[in-house]
Amino acid sequence: MRSRSLRFPAPGEIEILAADVDAPGPDEARCTAQVSLVSVGTELTCLRGQFDPRTFWEEWVQYPFAPGYSMVSLVESVGSGVTAVHPGDRVFSFTPHAEVFIAPARELVTIPDGVSDEDATWASLAVTTQWALRRAGFVFGESAAVVGLGLLGQLLVRYLRIAGARRIVAIDTDGRRLALAREGGADEVVSTHVGDAIEDLGGSFDVVFDVTGHPAAFADASELVRPLGRLVLVGDAPRPSLQHLGPRIVADGISIIGVHAGTAAEIPTPADPWSTAAMLTVFFGYLMDGRMDLSPLITDRVPWDKAPDTYRALERDRSTHLGVLIDWSSRR
């Protein structure tokens, strides 16, 4: 079967690649894409290809690179030994943007009937942000600031509201993103760069989430944390050599916590029950009971053949784009 997929052949280059996809082997499934979500910040970083040596970015992004990790598809056929999924099942996977693909069946997560395809595409980012709260040791009644209101920042605001935060302050320079954060549960929104918020908000928060991925934000965000509080880095700066510690991190005993979805447990244990699958179950539950509404965050629905143009538009100005979906159903 012929399939089209997105590739970055080299830094700054985008193409649609056509290739044959074979029948699934043992313990595999062949899936037909329905819709996938663009992780705008991450995928633009991968496209630009500007990373420091020895970073996760340099290790992960090898050209030609297949972008994307937020896929909803239908199981088309399965290989021998597969019992967990069946042809016709709707599934989520951490799969790059592709029309038809082979995946290990164990990596496919069945989507509950009460969750739409579009909502399910958020699952990968929902795991990252849920893991951020768990890594932070967030406790009911604490205060939190979220710096940067892209996809991850918006999800964090919503999780913090569900988790019982006493005070949630969202910081960004974009008015639309601030409005969406307010709608999602922020008590206060601050339209400024984080450095300009220090005078009014410095030392105020139990936990501060830096979701910008920008080196300059790290030191400024640390000044919002109270003594013995936590600074959680959810955005992984591709150039960490440009980051520097804030002036009070050591003196105030501030804990710095790095978050990456890849460090979550694959298999739950009594000591660590929060595997990726367990967190997905929680996320899908919030979607179904109405506590998590992500539909206002969708700004673009793009046919697969227009995806390269969309990446170019995002490169020029991403400020008006948030949730960007690639629609694969138009291929039929």
Protein backbone atom coordinates (compact mmCIF):
# COMPACT_ATOMS: atom_id res chain seq x y z
CA MET A 1 0.00 0.00 0.00
CA ARG A 2 1.27 3.48 -0.90
CA SER A 3 1.61 6.07 1.86
CA ARG A 4 2.54 9.74 2.06
CA SER A 5 4.40 11.13 5.06
CA LEU A 6 6.11 14.35 6.12
CA ARG A 7 9.90 14.57 6.27
CA PHE A 8 12.55 17.14 7.06
CA PRO A 9 15.36 15.99 4.73
CA ALA A 10 17.79 18.53 6.18
CA PRO A 11 17.58 21.62 8.39
CA GLY A 12 15.10 24.09 6.88
CA GLU A 13 13.73 21.61 4.32
CA ILE A 14 10.25 20.03 4.16
CA GLU A 15 8.93 17.39 1.80
CA ILE A 16 6.08 14.92 1.34
CA LEU A 17 7.56 11.47 0.87
CA ALA A 18 5.72 8.60 -0.87
CA ALA A 19 6.62 5.02 0.03
CA ASP A 20 5.12 1.55 0.11
CA VAL A 21 3.91 0.13 3.42
CA ASP A 22 3.99 -3.64 3.79
CA ALA A 23 1.60 -5.89 5.66
CA PRO A 24 2.11 -5.94 9.44
CA GLY A 25 4.47 -8.51 10.90
CA PRO A 26 4.05 -10.42 14.15
CA ASP A 27 2.95 -8.20 17.05
CA GLU A 28 2.44 -5.26 14.66
CA ALA A 29 -0.53 -3.36 13.25
CA ARG A 30 -1.01 -1.38 10.06
CA CYS A 31 -2.90 1.84 10.71
CA THR A 32 -4.57 4.48 8.55
CA ALA A 33 -4.17 8.04 9.81
CA GLN A 34 -7.21 10.16 10.58
CA VAL A 35 -5.77 13.32 12.14
CA SER A 36 -2.49 14.35 13.78
CA LEU A 37 -1.53 17.34 15.90
CA VAL A 38 1.49 19.52 15.17
CA SER A 39 3.56 20.22 18.28
CA VAL A 40 4.44 23.65 16.96
CA GLY A 41 7.38 24.62 19.16
CA THR A 42 9.04 21.22 19.10
CA GLU A 43 8.58 20.61 15.39
CA LEU A 44 9.83 24.06 14.38
CA THR A 45 12.94 23.44 16.50
CA CYS A 46 13.42 20.14 14.66
CA LEU A 47 12.98 21.88 11.32
CA ARG A 48 15.53 24.61 12.12
CA GLY A 49 18.11 22.12 13.39
CA GLN A 50 19.96 24.52 15.67
CA PHE A 51 20.89 22.64 18.85
CA ASP A 52 23.73 22.58 21.33
CA PRO A 53 26.04 19.53 21.34
CA ARG A 54 25.20 16.66 23.72
CA THR A 55 21.57 17.74 24.09
CA PHE A 56 18.58 15.48 23.68
CA TRP A 57 17.79 17.47 20.54
CA GLU A 58 21.07 16.53 18.88
CA GLU A 59 20.55 12.89 19.81
CA TRP A 60 16.91 12.70 18.67
CA VAL A 61 16.82 14.79 15.49
CA GLN A 62 18.68 12.88 12.81
CA TYR A 63 18.05 13.94 9.20
CA PRO A 64 16.10 12.92 7.26
CA PHE A 65 13.77 13.40 10.21
CA ALA A 66 10.12 12.34 10.55
CA PRO A 67 8.29 15.02 12.59
CA GLY A 68 5.25 14.50 14.78
CA TYR A 69 4.22 12.32 17.70
CA SER A 70 0.50 12.93 18.17
CA MET A 71 -1.45 10.59 15.88
CA VAL A 72 -5.01 9.29 15.79
CA SER A 73 -5.61 6.46 13.35
CA LEU A 74 -7.76 3.44 12.53
CA VAL A 75 -6.32 -0.04 12.80
CA GLU A 76 -6.50 -1.51 9.30
CA SER A 77 -4.95 -4.95 9.85
CA VAL A 78 -2.92 -6.78 12.49
CA GLY A 79 -0.16 -9.35 12.44
CA SER A 80 0.01 -12.65 14.25
CA GLY A 81 -0.06 -12.56 18.02
CA VAL A 82 -1.97 -9.25 18.25
CA THR A 83 -4.96 -9.42 20.58
CA ALA A 84 -5.11 -5.99 22.26
CA VAL A 85 -6.30 -4.10 19.15
CA HIS A 86 -8.48 -5.13 16.23
CA PRO A 87 -9.21 -3.87 12.71
CA GLY A 88 -11.50 -0.85 12.93
CA ASP A 89 -10.30 0.27 16.36
CA ARG A 90 -9.56 3.97 16.84
CA VAL A 91 -6.14 4.32 18.42
CA PHE A 92 -3.68 6.96 19.57
CA SER A 93 0.07 6.58 19.09
CA PHE A 94 3.28 8.58 19.37
CA THR A 95 3.73 8.24 15.61
CA PRO A 96 5.12 10.78 13.11
CA HIS A 97 2.81 12.42 10.56
CA ALA A 98 2.06 9.72 7.99
CA GLU A 99 -0.89 8.49 5.96
CA VAL A 100 -0.40 4.75 6.56
CA PHE A 101 2.12 3.23 8.94
CA ILE A 102 3.22 0.11 10.78
CA ALA A 103 3.43 0.28 14.57
CA PRO A 104 4.11 -2.20 17.37
CA ALA A 105 0.67 -3.13 18.64
CA ARG A 106 1.79 -2.58 22.25
CA GLU A 107 2.31 1.12 21.45
CA LEU A 108 -1.29 1.68 20.32
CA VAL A 109 -3.77 3.06 22.84
CA THR A 110 -7.46 2.45 22.21
CA ILE A 111 -9.49 5.68 22.30
CA PRO A 112 -12.71 5.55 24.34
CA ASP A 113 -15.96 6.09 22.43
CA GLY A 114 -16.66 9.32 24.30
CA VAL A 115 -13.44 11.01 23.07
CA SER A 116 -13.32 12.68 19.64
CA ASP A 117 -10.44 12.17 17.21
CA GLU A 118 -9.41 15.81 17.54
CA ASP A 119 -9.35 15.72 21.34
CA ALA A 120 -7.40 12.46 21.32
CA THR A 121 -4.55 14.02 19.31
CA TRP A 122 -3.63 16.01 22.43
CA ALA A 123 -2.76 12.83 24.33
CA SER A 124 1.02 13.08 23.94
CA LEU A 125 1.14 16.65 25.23
CA ALA A 126 -1.37 15.79 27.94
CA VAL A 127 1.03 13.12 29.21
CA THR A 128 3.93 15.59 29.27
CA THR A 129 1.99 18.21 31.23
CA GLN A 130 0.37 15.72 33.61
CA TRP A 131 3.83 14.30 34.25
CA ALA A 132 5.04 17.84 34.97
CA LEU A 133 2.54 18.21 37.82
CA ARG A 134 3.49 14.81 39.19
CA ARG A 135 7.24 15.51 38.96
CA ALA A 136 6.66 18.85 40.68
CA GLY A 137 4.96 17.09 43.59
CA PHE A 138 2.12 19.55 43.20
CA VAL A 139 -0.17 19.64 46.24
CA PHE A 140 -3.79 20.75 46.51
CA GLY A 141 -3.94 24.40 47.60
CA GLU A 142 -0.54 25.49 46.29
CA SER A 143 -0.03 28.51 44.05
CA ALA A 144 1.45 28.27 40.55
CA ALA A 145 2.60 30.45 37.69
CA VAL A 146 2.69 29.24 34.09
CA VAL A 147 5.17 31.10 31.90
CA GLY A 148 4.44 30.60 28.21
CA LEU A 149 0.95 29.77 26.94
CA GLY A 150 1.51 27.62 23.90
CA LEU A 151 0.07 24.11 23.75
CA LEU A 152 1.81 22.85 26.88
CA GLY A 153 1.12 26.00 28.88
CA GLN A 154 -2.59 25.86 28.08
CA LEU A 155 -2.79 22.25 29.19
CA LEU A 156 -0.93 23.02 32.41
CA VAL A 157 -3.39 25.77 33.33
CA ARG A 158 -6.26 23.32 32.90
CA TYR A 159 -4.58 20.57 34.91
CA LEU A 160 -3.74 23.01 37.71
CA ARG A 161 -7.38 24.04 37.96
CA ILE A 162 -8.47 20.40 38.14
CA ALA A 163 -5.72 19.69 40.70
CA GLY A 164 -7.03 22.35 43.09
CA ALA A 165 -4.46 25.12 42.77
CA ARG A 166 -5.20 28.02 45.11
CA ARG A 167 -3.91 30.62 42.66
CA ILE A 168 -2.99 30.23 39.00
CA VAL A 169 -1.23 33.08 37.20
CA ALA A 170 -0.62 32.78 33.44
CA ILE A 171 2.10 34.90 31.81
CA ASP A 172 2.50 35.55 28.08
CA THR A 173 2.64 38.48 25.69
CA ASP A 174 -0.14 37.29 23.35
CA GLY A 175 -3.64 38.53 24.16
CA ARG A 176 -5.48 35.63 22.56
CA ARG A 177 -3.44 33.05 24.44
CA LEU A 178 -4.01 34.91 27.69
CA ALA A 179 -7.77 34.90 27.03
CA LEU A 180 -7.69 31.14 26.40
CA ALA A 181 -5.76 30.63 29.64
CA ARG A 182 -8.34 32.67 31.54
CA GLU A 183 -11.09 30.57 29.95
CA GLY A 184 -9.18 27.42 30.92
CA GLY A 185 -8.95 28.30 34.60
CA ALA A 186 -6.27 30.93 35.24
CA ASP A 187 -7.16 33.28 38.10
CA GLU A 188 -4.95 36.05 36.75
CA VAL A 189 -3.33 36.69 33.38
CA VAL A 190 -0.32 38.94 32.94
CA SER A 191 0.50 40.40 29.55
CA THR A 192 4.25 40.88 29.71
CA HIS A 193 7.60 39.18 29.36
CA VAL A 194 8.43 37.20 32.47
CA GLY A 195 11.31 39.49 33.41
CA ASP A 196 8.93 42.43 33.62
CA ALA A 197 6.67 40.51 36.02
CA ILE A 198 9.33 40.11 38.71
CA GLU A 199 8.67 43.44 40.44
CA ASP A 200 5.01 42.60 41.10
CA LEU A 201 5.15 38.82 41.37
CA GLY A 202 8.68 37.98 42.53
CA GLY A 203 8.88 35.28 45.20
CA SER A 204 5.14 34.64 45.11
CA PHE A 205 4.67 31.06 43.96
CA ASP A 206 5.09 27.58 45.34
CA VAL A 207 5.67 26.26 41.83
CA VAL A 208 6.60 28.03 38.58
CA PHE A 209 6.38 26.20 35.28
CA ASP A 210 8.68 27.54 32.55
CA VAL A 211 7.08 26.28 29.34
CA THR A 212 8.79 28.70 26.97
CA GLY A 213 11.82 26.69 25.90
CA HIS A 214 13.61 30.04 25.59
CA PRO A 215 16.98 30.31 27.35
CA ALA A 216 16.38 33.86 28.54
CA ALA A 217 13.21 32.92 30.45
CA PHE A 218 14.89 30.48 32.84
CA ALA A 219 16.62 32.97 35.15
CA ASP A 220 13.70 35.38 35.18
CA ALA A 221 11.18 32.62 35.94
CA SER A 222 13.28 31.51 38.91
CA GLU A 223 12.73 34.89 40.55
CA LEU A 224 8.98 34.24 40.74
CA VAL A 225 9.53 31.21 43.00
CA ARG A 226 9.22 31.54 46.78
CA PRO A 227 12.09 30.38 49.00
CA LEU A 228 12.24 26.55 48.99
CA GLY A 229 9.78 26.46 46.08
CA ARG A 230 10.13 24.64 42.76
CA LEU A 231 10.95 25.75 39.24
CA VAL A 232 9.78 23.19 36.68
CA LEU A 233 11.28 23.22 33.18
CA VAL A 234 8.74 21.79 30.76
CA GLY A 235 10.15 23.43 27.64
CA ASP A 236 13.55 21.97 26.71
CA ALA A 237 15.74 24.77 25.38
CA PRO A 238 17.66 23.62 22.29
CA ARG A 239 20.51 25.97 23.26
CA PRO A 240 20.95 25.40 27.02
CA SER A 241 24.41 26.96 26.82
CA LEU A 242 22.58 30.29 26.66
CA GLN A 243 20.74 29.68 29.94
CA HIS A 244 22.04 30.91 33.28
CA LEU A 245 20.95 30.58 36.88
CA GLY A 246 18.85 33.28 38.49
CA PRO A 247 20.27 35.35 41.35
CA ARG A 248 18.35 33.64 44.18
CA ILE A 249 18.27 29.95 43.24
CA VAL A 250 21.02 28.88 45.66
CA ALA A 251 20.31 31.36 48.45
CA ASP A 252 16.56 30.58 48.42
CA GLY A 253 17.01 26.83 48.10
CA ILE A 254 14.92 26.62 44.94
CA SER A 255 14.54 23.16 43.42
CA ILE A 256 14.91 22.89 39.65
CA ILE A 257 12.95 20.02 38.10
CA GLY A 258 13.31 18.90 34.50
CA VAL A 259 10.35 17.24 32.80
CA HIS A 260 10.37 15.00 29.74
CA ALA A 261 7.62 12.53 28.85
CA GLY A 262 10.26 9.91 28.06
CA THR A 263 11.10 9.59 31.76
CA ALA A 264 7.59 8.44 32.70
CA ALA A 265 7.26 4.76 33.55
CA GLU A 266 6.29 2.37 30.78
CA ILE A 267 5.03 -0.24 33.24
CA PRO A 268 3.28 0.80 36.47
CA THR A 269 4.67 -0.44 39.78
CA PRO A 270 3.49 0.02 43.37
CA ALA A 271 6.29 2.57 43.82
CA ASP A 272 5.45 4.41 40.59
CA PRO A 273 1.91 3.69 39.39
CA TRP A 274 1.77 6.62 36.97
CA SER A 275 2.78 5.04 33.70
CA THR A 276 2.06 6.71 30.38
CA ALA A 277 -1.00 4.47 29.96
CA ALA A 278 -2.30 5.37 33.41
CA MET A 279 -1.94 9.09 32.70
CA LEU A 280 -3.74 8.67 29.36
CA THR A 281 -6.62 7.02 31.19
CA VAL A 282 -6.87 10.05 33.48
CA PHE A 283 -6.72 12.45 30.52
CA PHE A 284 -9.41 10.64 28.55
CA GLY A 285 -11.58 10.61 31.66
CA TYR A 286 -11.30 14.39 32.02
CA LEU A 287 -12.31 14.81 28.38
CA MET A 288 -15.34 12.59 28.78
CA ASP A 289 -16.62 14.16 32.00
CA GLY A 290 -16.18 17.70 30.67
CA ARG A 291 -13.44 18.87 33.01
CA MET A 292 -11.04 19.27 30.08
CA ASP A 293 -12.28 21.17 27.01
CA LEU A 294 -9.61 21.62 24.34
CA SER A 295 -11.79 22.57 21.37
CA PRO A 296 -11.18 26.34 21.82
CA LEU A 297 -7.44 25.71 21.38
CA ILE A 298 -7.75 24.46 17.77
CA THR A 299 -6.82 27.25 15.35
CA ASP A 300 -6.02 25.36 12.13
CA ARG A 301 -7.28 22.28 10.30
CA VAL A 302 -4.98 21.58 7.36
CA PRO A 303 -5.28 18.97 4.57
CA TRP A 304 -2.18 16.75 4.54
CA ASP A 305 -1.01 18.05 1.15
CA LYS A 306 -0.94 21.63 2.50
CA ALA A 307 1.16 20.74 5.53
CA PRO A 308 4.48 22.02 4.08
CA ASP A 309 2.88 25.42 3.44
CA THR A 310 1.61 25.43 7.02
CA TYR A 311 5.09 24.82 8.43
CA ARG A 312 6.37 27.76 6.37
CA ALA A 313 3.58 29.96 7.73
CA LEU A 314 4.46 28.88 11.27
CA GLU A 315 8.11 29.74 10.63
CA ARG A 316 7.14 33.24 9.55
CA ASP A 317 4.74 33.94 12.44
CA ARG A 318 3.38 31.37 14.86
CA SER A 319 1.57 33.89 17.06
CA THR A 320 -1.86 33.35 15.49
CA HIS A 321 -1.53 29.54 15.45
CA LEU A 322 -1.96 27.24 18.44
CA GLY A 323 -3.60 23.85 17.89
CA VAL A 324 -2.71 22.87 14.29
CA LEU A 325 -4.31 19.66 13.04
CA ILE A 326 -3.33 17.76 9.89
CA ASP A 327 -6.35 16.10 8.29
CA TRP A 328 -5.48 12.84 6.55
CA SER A 329 -9.05 11.93 5.61
CA SER A 330 -8.92 14.12 2.48
CA ARG A 331 -6.69 11.54 0.78
CA ARG A 332 -9.73 9.35 0.05
